[in-house]
């Protein structure tokens, strides 16, 4: 009998325009800490990672707040807090874009 994968959509609190700061341990194939302005969150491929990891597409931001190159990263969902969790935390990991 064939096995059908059940879609798993992770609950993340980031949307396009947000800026996330990821430690080296928070994303795969890391090469140091990363500041990324989110352009797209790819839920479509997250089912292959059991909802524990999500692909983020965005623009890497330098320490001078200038835009760098486009980057895709596989980020740990646990580091991308939901809006409710963010209200309870000290600011730091996600910066919400202005409407």
N, C-alpha and C. Protein backbone atom coordinates (compact mmCIF):
# COMPACT_ATOMS: atom_id res chain seq x y z
N UNK A 1 0.84 -1.17 0.00
CA UNK A 1 0.00 0.00 0.00
C UNK A 1 0.90 1.24 0.00
N UNK A 2 0.66 2.20 -0.92
CA UNK A 2 1.49 3.40 -0.98
C UNK A 2 1.31 4.28 0.26
N UNK A 3 2.40 4.92 0.62
CA UNK A 3 2.38 5.83 1.77
C UNK A 3 2.21 7.25 1.25
N UNK A 4 1.25 7.95 1.81
CA UNK A 4 0.99 9.33 1.44
C UNK A 4 1.49 10.24 2.55
N UNK A 5 2.31 11.23 2.18
CA UNK A 5 2.81 12.19 3.17
C UNK A 5 1.70 13.18 3.50
N UNK A 6 1.52 13.41 4.78
CA UNK A 6 0.55 14.40 5.23
C UNK A 6 1.26 15.75 5.26
N UNK A 7 0.70 16.76 4.60
CA UNK A 7 1.36 18.07 4.60
C UNK A 7 1.51 18.62 6.02
N UNK A 8 2.70 19.12 6.31
CA UNK A 8 2.98 19.74 7.60
C UNK A 8 3.35 21.18 7.32
N UNK A 9 2.53 22.09 7.80
CA UNK A 9 2.81 23.51 7.60
C UNK A 9 3.26 24.09 8.93
N UNK A 10 4.52 24.51 9.00
CA UNK A 10 5.03 25.04 10.26
C UNK A 10 4.38 26.37 10.62
N UNK A 11 4.30 26.65 11.89
CA UNK A 11 3.76 27.91 12.38
C UNK A 11 4.93 28.84 12.66
N UNK A 12 5.13 29.80 11.79
CA UNK A 12 6.21 30.77 11.98
C UNK A 12 5.61 32.17 12.03
N UNK A 13 6.28 33.04 12.72
CA UNK A 13 5.78 34.40 12.90
C UNK A 13 6.49 35.41 12.05
N UNK A 14 7.02 35.00 10.89
CA UNK A 14 7.69 35.96 10.01
C UNK A 14 6.92 36.06 8.71
N UNK A 15 6.94 37.26 8.16
CA UNK A 15 6.28 37.54 6.89
C UNK A 15 7.23 38.37 6.03
N UNK A 16 6.98 38.44 4.73
CA UNK A 16 7.83 39.28 3.89
C UNK A 16 7.94 40.70 4.44
N UNK A 17 9.16 41.20 4.45
CA UNK A 17 9.44 42.53 4.98
C UNK A 17 10.10 42.48 6.35
N UNK A 18 9.89 41.40 7.10
CA UNK A 18 10.52 41.25 8.42
C UNK A 18 12.02 41.04 8.25
N UNK A 19 12.77 41.45 9.25
CA UNK A 19 14.20 41.20 9.29
C UNK A 19 14.46 40.22 10.43
N UNK A 20 15.12 39.11 10.10
CA UNK A 20 15.44 38.11 11.12
C UNK A 20 16.94 38.06 11.33
N UNK A 21 17.31 37.77 12.55
CA UNK A 21 18.72 37.55 12.89
C UNK A 21 18.84 36.09 13.27
N UNK A 22 19.65 35.38 12.52
CA UNK A 22 19.83 33.96 12.76
C UNK A 22 21.25 33.68 13.20
N UNK A 23 21.37 32.94 14.31
CA UNK A 23 22.69 32.49 14.75
C UNK A 23 23.15 31.38 13.81
N UNK A 24 24.41 31.08 13.84
CA UNK A 24 24.96 30.05 12.98
C UNK A 24 24.25 28.70 13.19
N UNK A 25 23.80 28.43 14.40
CA UNK A 25 23.12 27.16 14.69
C UNK A 25 21.65 27.17 14.27
N UNK A 26 21.13 28.31 13.82
CA UNK A 26 19.71 28.44 13.48
C UNK A 26 19.39 28.16 12.02
N UNK A 27 20.41 27.97 11.20
CA UNK A 27 20.15 27.66 9.79
C UNK A 27 21.20 26.71 9.25
N UNK A 28 20.79 25.92 8.28
CA UNK A 28 21.66 24.89 7.70
C UNK A 28 22.69 25.51 6.77
N UNK A 29 23.83 24.85 6.69
CA UNK A 29 24.92 25.27 5.82
C UNK A 29 25.35 26.70 6.14
N UNK A 30 25.37 27.00 7.42
CA UNK A 30 25.66 28.35 7.90
C UNK A 30 27.14 28.70 7.75
N UNK A 31 27.39 29.97 7.60
CA UNK A 31 28.75 30.47 7.57
C UNK A 31 28.88 31.70 8.48
N UNK A 32 28.21 31.61 9.63
CA UNK A 32 28.23 32.70 10.60
C UNK A 32 26.84 33.26 10.81
N UNK A 33 26.71 34.22 11.73
CA UNK A 33 25.41 34.85 11.98
C UNK A 33 24.89 35.52 10.70
N UNK A 34 23.57 35.63 10.60
CA UNK A 34 22.96 36.16 9.38
C UNK A 34 21.82 37.09 9.72
N UNK A 35 21.78 38.23 9.07
CA UNK A 35 20.63 39.14 9.10
C UNK A 35 19.99 39.10 7.74
N UNK A 36 18.69 38.76 7.70
CA UNK A 36 18.01 38.55 6.43
C UNK A 36 16.68 39.28 6.42
N UNK A 37 16.46 40.10 5.38
CA UNK A 37 15.15 40.72 5.18
C UNK A 37 14.34 39.77 4.33
N UNK A 38 13.25 39.26 4.89
CA UNK A 38 12.46 38.21 4.25
C UNK A 38 11.72 38.74 3.02
N UNK A 39 11.85 37.99 1.94
CA UNK A 39 11.10 38.28 0.72
C UNK A 39 9.99 37.23 0.56
N UNK A 40 10.28 35.99 0.96
CA UNK A 40 9.32 34.90 0.79
C UNK A 40 9.60 33.80 1.81
N UNK A 41 8.53 33.24 2.36
CA UNK A 41 8.63 32.06 3.23
C UNK A 41 8.07 30.90 2.42
N UNK A 42 8.86 29.85 2.23
CA UNK A 42 8.48 28.72 1.38
C UNK A 42 7.93 27.58 2.20
N UNK A 43 6.62 27.58 2.40
CA UNK A 43 5.96 26.51 3.14
C UNK A 43 5.82 25.26 2.29
N UNK A 44 5.84 25.42 0.96
CA UNK A 44 5.59 24.31 0.06
C UNK A 44 6.60 23.17 0.21
N UNK A 45 7.81 23.45 0.63
CA UNK A 45 8.81 22.39 0.76
C UNK A 45 9.04 21.98 2.21
N UNK A 46 8.37 22.62 3.15
CA UNK A 46 8.60 22.34 4.56
C UNK A 46 8.14 20.96 4.98
N UNK A 47 7.20 20.36 4.23
CA UNK A 47 6.72 19.04 4.60
C UNK A 47 7.85 18.01 4.58
N UNK A 48 8.87 18.24 3.79
CA UNK A 48 9.99 17.30 3.73
C UNK A 48 10.89 17.40 4.96
N UNK A 49 10.68 18.40 5.76
CA UNK A 49 11.48 18.60 6.98
C UNK A 49 10.62 18.44 8.22
N UNK A 50 9.48 17.76 8.09
CA UNK A 50 8.57 17.49 9.21
C UNK A 50 8.16 18.74 9.97
N UNK A 51 8.12 19.88 9.29
CA UNK A 51 7.69 21.12 9.91
C UNK A 51 8.72 21.72 10.86
N UNK A 52 9.92 21.15 10.91
CA UNK A 52 10.96 21.64 11.82
C UNK A 52 11.86 22.70 11.18
N UNK A 53 11.87 22.73 9.86
CA UNK A 53 12.71 23.67 9.11
C UNK A 53 11.85 24.30 8.02
N UNK A 54 12.16 25.53 7.66
CA UNK A 54 11.42 26.23 6.61
C UNK A 54 12.43 27.00 5.75
N UNK A 55 12.17 27.04 4.44
CA UNK A 55 13.02 27.80 3.54
C UNK A 55 12.63 29.27 3.59
N UNK A 56 13.59 30.11 3.80
CA UNK A 56 13.40 31.56 3.75
C UNK A 56 14.17 32.11 2.56
N UNK A 57 13.55 33.00 1.82
CA UNK A 57 14.24 33.69 0.74
C UNK A 57 14.27 35.16 1.11
N UNK A 58 15.41 35.78 0.90
CA UNK A 58 15.50 37.17 1.28
C UNK A 58 16.79 37.83 0.84
N UNK A 59 16.97 39.02 1.34
CA UNK A 59 18.15 39.82 1.03
C UNK A 59 19.01 39.90 2.29
N UNK A 60 20.24 39.44 2.16
CA UNK A 60 21.17 39.51 3.29
C UNK A 60 21.49 40.97 3.57
N UNK A 61 21.50 41.32 4.85
CA UNK A 61 21.78 42.69 5.24
C UNK A 61 23.12 42.76 5.97
N UNK A 62 23.92 43.72 5.60
CA UNK A 62 25.22 43.89 6.21
C UNK A 62 25.12 44.61 7.55
N UNK A 63 26.24 44.67 8.25
CA UNK A 63 26.27 45.35 9.55
C UNK A 63 25.98 46.84 9.41
N UNK A 64 26.18 47.38 8.21
CA UNK A 64 25.88 48.80 7.96
C UNK A 64 24.44 49.00 7.51
N UNK A 65 23.60 47.96 7.63
CA UNK A 65 22.18 47.98 7.26
C UNK A 65 21.95 48.13 5.76
N UNK A 66 22.98 47.95 4.97
CA UNK A 66 22.84 48.01 3.51
C UNK A 66 22.48 46.63 2.98
N UNK A 67 21.70 46.62 1.90
CA UNK A 67 21.32 45.36 1.27
C UNK A 67 22.53 44.69 0.64
N UNK A 68 22.57 43.38 0.82
CA UNK A 68 23.58 42.56 0.17
C UNK A 68 22.90 41.75 -0.93
N UNK A 69 23.35 40.52 -1.08
CA UNK A 69 22.82 39.67 -2.13
C UNK A 69 21.58 38.89 -1.70
N UNK A 70 20.89 38.35 -2.69
CA UNK A 70 19.73 37.49 -2.46
C UNK A 70 20.24 36.18 -1.87
N UNK A 71 19.48 35.63 -0.94
CA UNK A 71 19.92 34.41 -0.26
C UNK A 71 18.72 33.54 0.08
N UNK A 72 18.89 32.23 -0.04
CA UNK A 72 17.90 31.26 0.40
C UNK A 72 18.53 30.48 1.55
N UNK A 73 17.79 30.35 2.65
CA UNK A 73 18.32 29.60 3.78
C UNK A 73 17.25 28.67 4.34
N UNK A 74 17.70 27.55 4.84
CA UNK A 74 16.84 26.59 5.51
C UNK A 74 16.97 26.87 7.01
N UNK A 75 15.94 27.50 7.58
CA UNK A 75 16.00 27.99 8.96
C UNK A 75 15.19 27.10 9.90
N UNK A 76 15.67 27.00 11.12
CA UNK A 76 14.99 26.23 12.17
C UNK A 76 13.72 26.98 12.58
N UNK A 77 12.57 26.31 12.46
CA UNK A 77 11.28 26.92 12.79
C UNK A 77 11.25 27.41 14.24
N UNK A 78 11.87 26.68 15.15
CA UNK A 78 11.85 27.04 16.57
C UNK A 78 12.45 28.43 16.83
N UNK A 79 13.28 28.93 15.92
CA UNK A 79 13.88 30.26 16.12
C UNK A 79 13.04 31.38 15.54
N UNK A 80 11.99 31.02 14.81
CA UNK A 80 11.12 32.02 14.18
C UNK A 80 9.83 32.09 14.96
N UNK A 81 9.80 32.93 15.97
CA UNK A 81 8.68 32.97 16.90
C UNK A 81 7.40 33.47 16.24
N UNK A 82 6.27 33.05 16.81
CA UNK A 82 4.97 33.52 16.37
C UNK A 82 4.74 34.91 16.96
N UNK A 83 3.77 35.67 16.46
CA UNK A 83 3.50 37.01 17.01
C UNK A 83 3.20 36.97 18.51
N UNK A 84 2.49 35.96 18.99
CA UNK A 84 2.16 35.86 20.42
C UNK A 84 3.43 35.65 21.25
N UNK A 85 4.31 34.78 20.76
CA UNK A 85 5.57 34.54 21.47
C UNK A 85 6.44 35.78 21.48
N UNK A 86 6.42 36.53 20.37
CA UNK A 86 7.25 37.72 20.26
C UNK A 86 6.85 38.78 21.27
N UNK A 87 5.56 38.87 21.58
CA UNK A 87 5.10 39.85 22.57
C UNK A 87 5.64 39.53 23.95
N UNK A 88 5.93 38.28 24.22
CA UNK A 88 6.42 37.85 25.53
C UNK A 88 7.93 37.88 25.64
N UNK A 89 8.61 38.00 24.50
CA UNK A 89 10.08 37.97 24.49
C UNK A 89 10.65 39.38 24.47
N UNK A 90 11.93 39.45 24.82
CA UNK A 90 12.65 40.69 24.61
C UNK A 90 12.89 40.82 23.12
N UNK A 91 12.90 42.03 22.56
CA UNK A 91 13.11 42.19 21.13
C UNK A 91 14.51 41.72 20.74
N UNK A 92 14.63 41.32 19.50
CA UNK A 92 15.96 40.93 19.05
C UNK A 92 16.00 40.04 17.85
N UNK A 93 15.20 39.00 17.80
CA UNK A 93 15.35 38.04 16.71
C UNK A 93 14.58 38.43 15.46
N UNK A 94 13.45 39.12 15.60
CA UNK A 94 12.65 39.50 14.44
C UNK A 94 12.27 40.96 14.55
N UNK A 95 12.44 41.69 13.47
CA UNK A 95 12.01 43.08 13.42
C UNK A 95 10.85 43.13 12.44
N UNK A 96 9.70 43.57 12.91
CA UNK A 96 8.49 43.63 12.08
C UNK A 96 8.58 44.82 11.15
N UNK A 97 8.23 44.58 9.89
CA UNK A 97 8.21 45.65 8.89
C UNK A 97 7.06 46.59 9.18
N UNK A 98 7.23 47.86 8.87
CA UNK A 98 6.16 48.84 9.03
C UNK A 98 5.15 48.64 7.92
N UNK A 99 3.83 48.80 8.25
CA UNK A 99 2.82 48.63 7.20
C UNK A 99 2.88 49.73 6.17
